[in-house]
Amino acid sequence: MYVNGEEITLKSTQSLEAFLLGNAYDVKRVAVEYNGSVVPRADFDKIQLLESDSLEVVCFVGGG
């Protein structure tokens, strides 16, 4: 599986939401592209990740 262009190995079958939480992403502050399509936050728990998948995860950062 690729995450932000880097190849990783999935440790187990898991949802996108479980993957994000397990990798210290704040699911309320990210946008995710899954295999070329933007995923609505409400669907993070519905997508089951596979080794052949590709993710782009963008974190929102506040500031001023």
PDB file of N, CA and C in Angstrom:
ATOM      1  N   MET A   1       0.846  -1.165   0.000  1.00  0.00           N
ATOM      2  CA  MET A   1       0.000   0.000   0.000  1.00  0.00           C
ATOM      3  C   MET A   1       0.897   1.235   0.000  1.00  0.00           C
ATOM      4  N   TYR A   2       0.414   2.283  -0.623  1.00  0.00           N
ATOM      5  CA  TYR A   2       1.156   3.541  -0.644  1.00  0.00           C
ATOM      6  C   TYR A   2       0.404   4.603   0.152  1.00  0.00           C
ATOM      7  N   VAL A   3       1.136   5.321   0.997  1.00  0.00           N
ATOM      8  CA  VAL A   3       0.576   6.438   1.756  1.00  0.00           C
ATOM      9  C   VAL A   3       1.473   7.637   1.513  1.00  0.00           C
ATOM     10  N   ASN A   4       0.895   8.663   0.896  1.00  0.00           N
ATOM     11  CA  ASN A   4       1.641   9.884   0.557  1.00  0.00           C
ATOM     12  C   ASN A   4       2.915   9.549  -0.224  1.00  0.00           C
ATOM     13  N   GLY A   5       2.785   8.614  -1.150  1.00  0.00           N
ATOM     14  CA  GLY A   5       3.893   8.254  -2.032  1.00  0.00           C
ATOM     15  C   GLY A   5       4.892   7.275  -1.450  1.00  0.00           C
ATOM     16  N   GLU A   6       4.728   6.887  -0.188  1.00  0.00           N
ATOM     17  CA  GLU A   6       5.657   5.972   0.470  1.00  0.00           C
ATOM     18  C   GLU A   6       5.015   4.593   0.608  1.00  0.00           C
ATOM     19  N   GLU A   7       5.740   3.563   0.203  1.00  0.00           N
ATOM     20  CA  GLU A   7       5.211   2.205   0.304  1.00  0.00           C
ATOM     21  C   GLU A   7       5.274   1.724   1.748  1.00  0.00           C
ATOM     22  N   ILE A   8       4.151   1.202   2.234  1.00  0.00           N
ATOM     23  CA  ILE A   8       4.098   0.634   3.582  1.00  0.00           C
ATOM     24  C   ILE A   8       3.432  -0.737   3.496  1.00  0.00           C
ATOM     25  N   THR A   9       3.559  -1.510   4.557  1.00  0.00           N
ATOM     26  CA  THR A   9       2.894  -2.809   4.643  1.00  0.00           C
ATOM     27  C   THR A   9       1.787  -2.709   5.676  1.00  0.00           C
ATOM     28  N   LEU A  10       0.585  -3.118   5.274  1.00  0.00           N
ATOM     29  CA  LEU A  10      -0.524  -3.140   6.226  1.00  0.00           C
ATOM     30  C   LEU A  10      -0.282  -4.270   7.214  1.00  0.00           C
ATOM     31  N   LYS A  11      -0.456  -4.004   8.495  1.00  0.00           N
ATOM     32  CA  LYS A  11      -0.250  -5.024   9.519  1.00  0.00           C
ATOM     33  C   LYS A  11      -1.453  -5.951   9.632  1.00  0.00           C
ATOM     34  N   SER A  12      -2.631  -5.447   9.265  1.00  0.00           N
ATOM     35  CA  SER A  12      -3.858  -6.246   9.320  1.00  0.00           C
ATOM     36  C   SER A  12      -4.925  -5.574   8.464  1.00  0.00           C
ATOM     37  N   THR A  13      -5.981  -6.309   8.178  1.00  0.00           N
ATOM     38  CA  THR A  13      -7.117  -5.718   7.483  1.00  0.00           C
ATOM     39  C   THR A  13      -7.776  -4.735   8.429  1.00  0.00           C
ATOM     40  N   GLN A  14      -8.015  -3.528   7.938  1.00  0.00           N
ATOM     41  CA  GLN A  14      -8.603  -2.499   8.792  1.00  0.00           C
ATOM     42  C   GLN A  14      -9.309  -1.448   7.959  1.00  0.00           C
ATOM     43  N   SER A  15     -10.169  -0.711   8.626  1.00  0.00           N
ATOM     44  CA  SER A  15     -10.860   0.388   7.952  1.00  0.00           C
ATOM     45  C   SER A  15      -9.903   1.565   7.792  1.00  0.00           C
ATOM     46  N   LEU A  16     -10.275   2.454   6.909  1.00  0.00           N
ATOM     47  CA  LEU A  16      -9.502   3.682   6.733  1.00  0.00           C
ATOM     48  C   LEU A  16      -9.457   4.450   8.048  1.00  0.00           C
ATOM     49  N   GLU A  17     -10.575   4.539   8.751  1.00  0.00           N
ATOM     50  CA  GLU A  17     -10.608   5.255  10.024  1.00  0.00           C
ATOM     51  C   GLU A  17      -9.653   4.628  11.038  1.00  0.00           C
ATOM     52  N   ALA A  18      -9.650   3.307  11.165  1.00  0.00           N
ATOM     53  CA  ALA A  18      -8.750   2.624  12.100  1.00  0.00           C
ATOM     54  C   ALA A  18      -7.297   2.866  11.715  1.00  0.00           C
ATOM     55  N   PHE A  19      -7.003   2.858  10.417  1.00  0.00           N
ATOM     56  CA  PHE A  19      -5.643   3.125   9.957  1.00  0.00           C
ATOM     57  C   PHE A  19      -5.205   4.534  10.352  1.00  0.00           C
ATOM     58  N   LEU A  20      -6.064   5.515  10.112  1.00  0.00           N
ATOM     59  CA  LEU A  20      -5.726   6.901  10.436  1.00  0.00           C
ATOM     60  C   LEU A  20      -5.500   7.072  11.938  1.00  0.00           C
ATOM     61  N   LEU A  21      -6.407   6.539  12.744  1.00  0.00           N
ATOM     62  CA  LEU A  21      -6.273   6.654  14.195  1.00  0.00           C
ATOM     63  C   LEU A  21      -5.024   5.925  14.687  1.00  0.00           C
ATOM     64  N   GLY A  22      -4.744   4.760  14.121  1.00  0.00           N
ATOM     65  CA  GLY A  22      -3.580   3.981  14.520  1.00  0.00           C
ATOM     66  C   GLY A  22      -2.257   4.602  14.114  1.00  0.00           C
ATOM     67  N   ASN A  23      -2.310   5.568  13.194  1.00  0.00           N
ATOM     68  CA  ASN A  23      -1.101   6.252  12.746  1.00  0.00           C
ATOM     69  C   ASN A  23      -1.089   7.710  13.173  1.00  0.00           C
ATOM     70  N   ALA A  24      -1.812   8.000  14.254  1.00  0.00           N
ATOM     71  CA  ALA A  24      -1.801   9.305  14.927  1.00  0.00           C
ATOM     72  C   ALA A  24      -2.336  10.463  14.085  1.00  0.00           C
ATOM     73  N   TYR A  25      -3.207  10.171  13.134  1.00  0.00           N
ATOM     74  CA  TYR A  25      -3.875  11.236  12.398  1.00  0.00           C
ATOM     75  C   TYR A  25      -5.131  11.639  13.167  1.00  0.00           C
ATOM     76  N   ASP A  26      -5.425  12.924  13.202  1.00  0.00           N
ATOM     77  CA  ASP A  26      -6.667  13.426  13.784  1.00  0.00           C
ATOM     78  C   ASP A  26      -7.710  13.384  12.668  1.00  0.00           C
ATOM     79  N   VAL A  27      -8.634  12.428  12.740  1.00  0.00           N
ATOM     80  CA  VAL A  27      -9.590  12.234  11.645  1.00  0.00           C
ATOM     81  C   VAL A  27     -10.478  13.448  11.398  1.00  0.00           C
ATOM     82  N   LYS A  28     -10.540  14.350  12.360  1.00  0.00           N
ATOM     83  CA  LYS A  28     -11.332  15.574  12.181  1.00  0.00           C
ATOM     84  C   LYS A  28     -10.554  16.655  11.441  1.00  0.00           C
ATOM     85  N   ARG A  29      -9.230  16.450  11.272  1.00  0.00           N
ATOM     86  CA  ARG A  29      -8.396  17.492  10.669  1.00  0.00           C
ATOM     87  C   ARG A  29      -7.608  16.990   9.461  1.00  0.00           C
ATOM     88  N   VAL A  30      -8.161  15.981   8.763  1.00  0.00           N
ATOM     89  CA  VAL A  30      -7.483  15.473   7.566  1.00  0.00           C
ATOM     90  C   VAL A  30      -8.449  15.398   6.397  1.00  0.00           C
ATOM     91  N   ALA A  31      -7.878  15.431   5.216  1.00  0.00           N
ATOM     92  CA  ALA A  31      -8.594  15.122   3.986  1.00  0.00           C
ATOM     93  C   ALA A  31      -7.867  13.921   3.393  1.00  0.00           C
ATOM     94  N   VAL A  32      -8.636  12.969   2.850  1.00  0.00           N
ATOM     95  CA  VAL A  32      -8.037  11.743   2.338  1.00  0.00           C
ATOM     96  C   VAL A  32      -8.486  11.497   0.903  1.00  0.00           C
ATOM     97  N   GLU A  33      -7.497  11.201   0.068  1.00  0.00           N
ATOM     98  CA  GLU A  33      -7.756  10.739  -1.292  1.00  0.00           C
ATOM     99  C   GLU A  33      -7.432   9.246  -1.294  1.00  0.00           C
ATOM    100  N   TYR A  34      -8.418   8.443  -1.665  1.00  0.00           N
ATOM    101  CA  TYR A  34      -8.305   6.985  -1.663  1.00  0.00           C
ATOM    102  C   TYR A  34      -8.399   6.490  -3.099  1.00  0.00           C
ATOM    103  N   ASN A  35      -7.310   5.949  -3.607  1.00  0.00           N
ATOM    104  CA  ASN A  35      -7.258   5.452  -4.987  1.00  0.00           C
ATOM    105  C   ASN A  35      -7.756   6.498  -5.986  1.00  0.00           C
ATOM    106  N   GLY A  36      -7.378   7.742  -5.750  1.00  0.00           N
ATOM    107  CA  GLY A  36      -7.686   8.805  -6.694  1.00  0.00           C
ATOM    108  C   GLY A  36      -8.983   9.557  -6.448  1.00  0.00           C
ATOM    109  N   SER A  37      -9.756   9.162  -5.431  1.00  0.00           N
ATOM    110  CA  SER A  37     -11.023   9.836  -5.136  1.00  0.00           C
ATOM    111  C   SER A  37     -11.018  10.369  -3.710  1.00  0.00           C
ATOM    112  N   VAL A  38     -11.534  11.586  -3.539  1.00  0.00           N
ATOM    113  CA  VAL A  38     -11.635  12.175  -2.209  1.00  0.00           C
ATOM    114  C   VAL A  38     -12.726  11.440  -1.432  1.00  0.00           C
ATOM    115  N   VAL A  39     -12.425  11.107  -0.177  1.00  0.00           N
ATOM    116  CA  VAL A  39     -13.349  10.343   0.662  1.00  0.00           C
ATOM    117  C   VAL A  39     -14.029  11.277   1.663  1.00  0.00           C
ATOM    118  N   PRO A  40     -15.359  11.296   1.693  1.00  0.00           N
ATOM    119  CA  PRO A  40     -16.046  12.070   2.726  1.00  0.00           C
ATOM    120  C   PRO A  40     -15.709  11.494   4.105  1.00  0.00           C
ATOM    121  N   ARG A  41     -15.529  12.346   5.069  1.00  0.00           N
ATOM    122  CA  ARG A  41     -15.172  11.928   6.419  1.00  0.00           C
ATOM    123  C   ARG A  41     -16.162  10.886   6.962  1.00  0.00           C
ATOM    124  N   ALA A  42     -17.426  11.013   6.628  1.00  0.00           N
ATOM    125  CA  ALA A  42     -18.453  10.077   7.100  1.00  0.00           C
ATOM    126  C   ALA A  42     -18.228   8.654   6.586  1.00  0.00           C
ATOM    127  N   ASP A  43     -17.415   8.504   5.542  1.00  0.00           N
ATOM    128  CA  ASP A  43     -17.166   7.176   4.967  1.00  0.00           C
ATOM    129  C   ASP A  43     -15.847   6.552   5.418  1.00  0.00           C
ATOM    130  N   PHE A  44     -15.089   7.216   6.278  1.00  0.00           N
ATOM    131  CA  PHE A  44     -13.794   6.679   6.711  1.00  0.00           C
ATOM    132  C   PHE A  44     -13.930   5.278   7.304  1.00  0.00           C
ATOM    133  N   ASP A  45     -15.011   5.022   8.050  1.00  0.00           N
ATOM    134  CA  ASP A  45     -15.171   3.716   8.689  1.00  0.00           C
ATOM    135  C   ASP A  45     -15.729   2.663   7.741  1.00  0.00           C
ATOM    136  N   LYS A  46     -16.186   3.045   6.555  1.00  0.00           N
ATOM    137  CA  LYS A  46     -16.787   2.107   5.601  1.00  0.00           C
ATOM    138  C   LYS A  46     -15.781   1.507   4.629  1.00  0.00           C
ATOM    139  N   ILE A  47     -14.607   2.131   4.501  1.00  0.00           N
ATOM    140  CA  ILE A  47     -13.608   1.675   3.526  1.00  0.00           C
ATOM    141  C   ILE A  47     -12.635   0.717   4.197  1.00  0.00           C
ATOM    142  N   GLN A  48     -12.528  -0.488   3.640  1.00  0.00           N
ATOM    143  CA  GLN A  48     -11.574  -1.486   4.121  1.00  0.00           C
ATOM    144  C   GLN A  48     -10.341  -1.424   3.228  1.00  0.00           C
ATOM    145  N   LEU A  49      -9.193  -1.202   3.828  1.00  0.00           N
ATOM    146  CA  LEU A  49      -7.953  -1.031   3.079  1.00  0.00           C
ATOM    147  C   LEU A  49      -7.362  -2.364   2.626  1.00  0.00           C
ATOM    148  N   LEU A  50      -6.748  -2.331   1.437  1.00  0.00           N
ATOM    149  CA  LEU A  50      -6.069  -3.480   0.862  1.00  0.00           C
ATOM    150  C   LEU A  50      -4.629  -3.101   0.549  1.00  0.00           C
ATOM    151  N   GLU A  51      -3.768  -4.083   0.411  1.00  0.00           N
ATOM    152  CA  GLU A  51      -2.358  -3.829   0.081  1.00  0.00           C
ATOM    153  C   GLU A  51      -2.203  -3.069  -1.236  1.00  0.00           C
ATOM    154  N   SER A  52      -3.157  -3.203  -2.147  1.00  0.00           N
ATOM    155  CA  SER A  52      -3.061  -2.571  -3.465  1.00  0.00           C
ATOM    156  C   SER A  52      -3.544  -1.123  -3.477  1.00  0.00           C
ATOM    157  N   ASP A  53      -3.995  -0.609  -2.335  1.00  0.00           N
ATOM    158  CA  ASP A  53      -4.559   0.738  -2.275  1.00  0.00           C
ATOM    159  C   ASP A  53      -3.486   1.822  -2.190  1.00  0.00           C
ATOM    160  N   SER A  54      -3.930   3.035  -2.518  1.00  0.00           N
ATOM    161  CA  SER A  54      -3.074   4.218  -2.446  1.00  0.00           C
ATOM    162  C   SER A  54      -3.844   5.325  -1.727  1.00  0.00           C
ATOM    163  N   LEU A  55      -3.185   5.931  -0.729  1.00  0.00           N
ATOM    164  CA  LEU A  55      -3.784   7.033   0.022  1.00  0.00           C
ATOM    165  C   LEU A  55      -2.916   8.272  -0.080  1.00  0.00           C
ATOM    166  N   GLU A  56      -3.570   9.398  -0.129  1.00  0.00           N
ATOM    167  CA  GLU A  56      -2.921  10.690   0.068  1.00  0.00           C
ATOM    168  C   GLU A  56      -3.650  11.321   1.238  1.00  0.00           C
ATOM    169  N   VAL A  57      -2.928  11.630   2.299  1.00  0.00           N
ATOM    170  CA  VAL A  57      -3.522  12.196   3.497  1.00  0.00           C
ATOM    171  C   VAL A  57      -2.947  13.599   3.693  1.00  0.00           C
ATOM    172  N   VAL A  58      -3.849  14.566   3.775  1.00  0.00           N
ATOM    173  CA  VAL A  58      -3.449  15.960   3.973  1.00  0.00           C
ATOM    174  C   VAL A  58      -3.999  16.427   5.309  1.00  0.00           C
ATOM    175  N   CYS A  59      -3.119  16.947   6.162  1.00  0.00           N
ATOM    176  CA  CYS A  59      -3.525  17.439   7.476  1.00  0.00           C
ATOM    177  C   CYS A  59      -3.746  18.941   7.411  1.00  0.00           C
ATOM    178  N   PHE A  60      -4.846  19.390   8.015  1.00  0.00           N
ATOM    179  CA  PHE A  60      -5.126  20.817   8.100  1.00  0.00           C
ATOM    180  C   PHE A  60      -4.395  21.390   9.298  1.00  0.00           C
ATOM    181  N   VAL A  61      -3.750  22.515   9.097  1.00  0.00           N
ATOM    182  CA  VAL A  61      -2.992  23.154  10.159  1.00  0.00           C
ATOM    183  C   VAL A  61      -3.514  24.575  10.329  1.00  0.00           C
ATOM    184  N   GLY A  62      -3.818  24.935  11.561  1.00  0.00           N
ATOM    185  CA  GLY A  62      -4.277  26.289  11.840  1.00  0.00           C
ATOM    186  C   GLY A  62      -3.102  27.210  12.125  1.00  0.00           C
ATOM    187  N   GLY A  63      -3.341  28.453  12.063  1.00  0.00           N
ATOM    188  CA  GLY A  63      -2.276  29.405  12.358  1.00  0.00           C
ATOM    189  C   GLY A  63      -2.711  30.797  11.959  1.00  0.00           C
ATOM    190  N   GLY A  64      -1.821  31.680  12.176  1.00  0.00           N
ATOM    191  CA  GLY A  64      -2.193  33.037  11.807  1.00  0.00           C
ATOM    192  C   GLY A  64      -1.023  33.973  11.837  1.00  0.00           C
TER     193      GLY A  64
END
